[in-house]
Amino acid sequence: MPLYEYRCEECNFEFEVRQKFSEAPKEECPKCGGKVKKLISQAAFTLKGGGWYQQGYVHKSSEGKADKPEPAKIDPPKPDPKPKAAKKETKPSSKVANG
């Protein structure tokens, strides 16, 4: 059940009430009987257990700190052990046919 905060408009008394969503809001101060107004408050939000955060985002190291991702290791190309001989360019012989 949600926890709602109220403030009395007459004595400024603030109080909290656990109410169902279906219940009507409180209208009367329990201290002086004056008119109360529902306050907008920060919701208490807590993730409990081993949930998504620990399984998907945190990497534990031996020091207890999150590990930094290591960059990918790429091996440089290895040079050939035997250099290839330079090829000589040959021009095709051009014979002109007479005829």
C-alpha atoms as a PDB file:
ATOM      1  CA  MET A   1       0.000   0.000   0.000  1.00  0.00           C
ATOM      2  CA  PRO A   2       1.252   3.483  -0.799  1.00  0.00           C
ATOM      3  CA  LEU A   3       2.263   5.924   1.902  1.00  0.00           C
ATOM      4  CA  TYR A   4       0.718   9.398   1.547  1.00  0.00           C
ATOM      5  CA  GLU A   5       1.761  12.602   3.299  1.00  0.00           C
ATOM      6  CA  TYR A   6      -0.694  15.238   4.450  1.00  0.00           C
ATOM      7  CA  ARG A   7      -0.362  18.705   6.011  1.00  0.00           C
ATOM      8  CA  CYS A   8      -2.978  20.480   8.048  1.00  0.00           C
ATOM      9  CA  GLU A   9      -3.785  23.930   6.650  1.00  0.00           C
ATOM     10  CA  GLU A  10      -4.561  25.255  10.153  1.00  0.00           C
ATOM     11  CA  CYS A  11      -1.840  23.899  12.469  1.00  0.00           C
ATOM     12  CA  ASN A  12       0.750  22.832   9.798  1.00  0.00           C
ATOM     13  CA  PHE A  13       0.914  19.354  11.347  1.00  0.00           C
ATOM     14  CA  GLU A  14       2.383  16.866   8.842  1.00  0.00           C
ATOM     15  CA  PHE A  15       1.494  13.189   9.009  1.00  0.00           C
ATOM     16  CA  GLU A  16       1.714  10.049   6.897  1.00  0.00           C
ATOM     17  CA  VAL A  17      -1.033   7.542   6.185  1.00  0.00           C
ATOM     18  CA  ARG A  18      -0.886   4.170   4.429  1.00  0.00           C
ATOM     19  CA  GLN A  19      -3.889   3.965   2.160  1.00  0.00           C
ATOM     20  CA  LYS A  20      -5.163   1.768  -0.628  1.00  0.00           C
ATOM     21  CA  PHE A  21      -5.494   3.342  -4.051  1.00  0.00           C
ATOM     22  CA  SER A  22      -9.244   2.878  -3.787  1.00  0.00           C
ATOM     23  CA  GLU A  23      -9.539   4.807  -0.484  1.00  0.00           C
ATOM     24  CA  ALA A  24     -10.640   8.430  -0.484  1.00  0.00           C
ATOM     25  CA  PRO A  25      -8.003  10.996   0.563  1.00  0.00           C
ATOM     26  CA  LYS A  26      -8.008  12.169   4.194  1.00  0.00           C
ATOM     27  CA  GLU A  27      -9.823  15.424   4.833  1.00  0.00           C
ATOM     28  CA  GLU A  28      -9.379  16.030   8.563  1.00  0.00           C
ATOM     29  CA  CYS A  29      -6.285  16.611  10.712  1.00  0.00           C
ATOM     30  CA  PRO A  30      -5.947  13.989  13.476  1.00  0.00           C
ATOM     31  CA  LYS A  31      -4.452  16.623  15.807  1.00  0.00           C
ATOM     32  CA  CYS A  32      -6.768  19.653  15.520  1.00  0.00           C
ATOM     33  CA  GLY A  33      -9.544  18.539  13.183  1.00  0.00           C
ATOM     34  CA  GLY A  34      -8.664  21.145  10.539  1.00  0.00           C
ATOM     35  CA  LYS A  35      -8.684  20.700   6.780  1.00  0.00           C
ATOM     36  CA  VAL A  36      -5.692  18.795   5.340  1.00  0.00           C
ATOM     37  CA  LYS A  37      -3.996  18.869   1.977  1.00  0.00           C
ATOM     38  CA  LYS A  38      -2.239  15.915   0.341  1.00  0.00           C
ATOM     39  CA  LEU A  39       1.450  16.614  -0.277  1.00  0.00           C
ATOM     40  CA  ILE A  40       3.430  15.521  -3.290  1.00  0.00           C
ATOM     41  CA  SER A  41       6.447  13.697  -1.962  1.00  0.00           C
ATOM     42  CA  GLN A  42       9.366  11.754  -3.308  1.00  0.00           C
ATOM     43  CA  ALA A  43       8.539   8.100  -3.665  1.00  0.00           C
ATOM     44  CA  ALA A  44      10.737   5.575  -1.927  1.00  0.00           C
ATOM     45  CA  PHE A  45      12.065   3.362  -4.709  1.00  0.00           C
ATOM     46  CA  THR A  46      14.416   0.540  -3.843  1.00  0.00           C
ATOM     47  CA  LEU A  47      15.721  -2.295  -5.961  1.00  0.00           C
ATOM     48  CA  LYS A  48      16.242  -5.312  -3.768  1.00  0.00           C
ATOM     49  CA  GLY A  49      17.933  -8.611  -4.467  1.00  0.00           C
ATOM     50  CA  GLY A  50      20.251  -9.699  -7.228  1.00  0.00           C
ATOM     51  CA  GLY A  51      18.146  -8.128 -10.011  1.00  0.00           C
ATOM     52  CA  TRP A  52      19.040  -6.677 -13.371  1.00  0.00           C
ATOM     53  CA  TYR A  53      21.622  -4.154 -12.177  1.00  0.00           C
ATOM     54  CA  GLN A  54      24.016  -6.652 -10.609  1.00  0.00           C
ATOM     55  CA  GLN A  55      23.628  -9.188 -13.380  1.00  0.00           C
ATOM     56  CA  GLY A  56      23.850  -6.870 -16.365  1.00  0.00           C
ATOM     57  CA  TYR A  57      25.870  -3.814 -15.479  1.00  0.00           C
ATOM     58  CA  VAL A  58      28.251  -4.355 -12.571  1.00  0.00           C
ATOM     59  CA  HIS A  59      31.454  -6.332 -13.004  1.00  0.00           C
ATOM     60  CA  LYS A  60      33.080  -7.095  -9.689  1.00  0.00           C
ATOM     61  CA  SER A  61      36.847  -7.216  -9.458  1.00  0.00           C
ATOM     62  CA  SER A  62      39.005  -8.479  -6.619  1.00  0.00           C
ATOM     63  CA  GLU A  63      39.130  -4.928  -5.226  1.00  0.00           C
ATOM     64  CA  GLY A  64      35.364  -4.578  -5.181  1.00  0.00           C
ATOM     65  CA  LYS A  65      35.358  -1.858  -7.826  1.00  0.00           C
ATOM     66  CA  ALA A  66      33.759  -2.115 -11.230  1.00  0.00           C
ATOM     67  CA  ASP A  67      36.181  -3.326 -13.894  1.00  0.00           C
ATOM     68  CA  LYS A  68      36.934  -1.113 -16.819  1.00  0.00           C
ATOM     69  CA  PRO A  69      36.328  -2.805 -20.151  1.00  0.00           C
ATOM     70  CA  GLU A  70      39.559  -3.774 -21.872  1.00  0.00           C
ATOM     71  CA  PRO A  71      40.117  -2.575 -25.420  1.00  0.00           C
ATOM     72  CA  ALA A  72      39.993  -5.229 -28.108  1.00  0.00           C
ATOM     73  CA  LYS A  73      43.372  -6.735 -28.896  1.00  0.00           C
ATOM     74  CA  ILE A  74      44.201  -6.760 -32.595  1.00  0.00           C
ATOM     75  CA  ASP A  75      47.363  -8.483 -33.770  1.00  0.00           C
ATOM     76  CA  PRO A  76      49.304  -6.470 -36.359  1.00  0.00           C
ATOM     77  CA  PRO A  77      49.844  -8.189 -39.720  1.00  0.00           C
ATOM     78  CA  LYS A  78      52.980 -10.357 -39.774  1.00  0.00           C
ATOM     79  CA  PRO A  79      55.540  -9.686 -42.527  1.00  0.00           C
ATOM     80  CA  ASP A  80      56.193 -12.500 -45.017  1.00  0.00           C
ATOM     81  CA  PRO A  81      59.400 -14.423 -44.197  1.00  0.00           C
ATOM     82  CA  LYS A  82      60.515 -14.399 -47.853  1.00  0.00           C
ATOM     83  CA  PRO A  83      60.168 -11.237 -49.860  1.00  0.00           C
ATOM     84  CA  LYS A  84      58.629 -11.831 -53.231  1.00  0.00           C
ATOM     85  CA  ALA A  85      60.787 -11.138 -56.292  1.00  0.00           C
ATOM     86  CA  ALA A  86      59.771  -8.155 -58.320  1.00  0.00           C
ATOM     87  CA  LYS A  87      58.090  -9.143 -61.531  1.00  0.00           C
ATOM     88  CA  LYS A  88      59.373  -7.700 -64.751  1.00  0.00           C
ATOM     89  CA  GLU A  89      56.797  -6.212 -66.985  1.00  0.00           C
ATOM     90  CA  THR A  90      56.884  -7.642 -70.469  1.00  0.00           C
ATOM     91  CA  LYS A  91      55.303  -6.040 -73.429  1.00  0.00           C
ATOM     92  CA  PRO A  92      53.514  -8.355 -75.773  1.00  0.00           C
ATOM     93  CA  SER A  93      55.191  -8.488 -79.138  1.00  0.00           C
ATOM     94  CA  SER A  94      53.197  -6.777 -81.746  1.00  0.00           C
ATOM     95  CA  LYS A  95      53.442  -8.431 -85.092  1.00  0.00           C
ATOM     96  CA  VAL A  96      51.717  -6.752 -87.901  1.00  0.00           C
ATOM     97  CA  ALA A  97      50.255  -9.139 -90.358  1.00  0.00           C
ATOM     98  CA  ASN A  98      50.788  -8.131 -93.922  1.00  0.00           C
ATOM     99  CA  GLY A  99      48.338  -9.321 -96.223  1.00  0.00           C
END
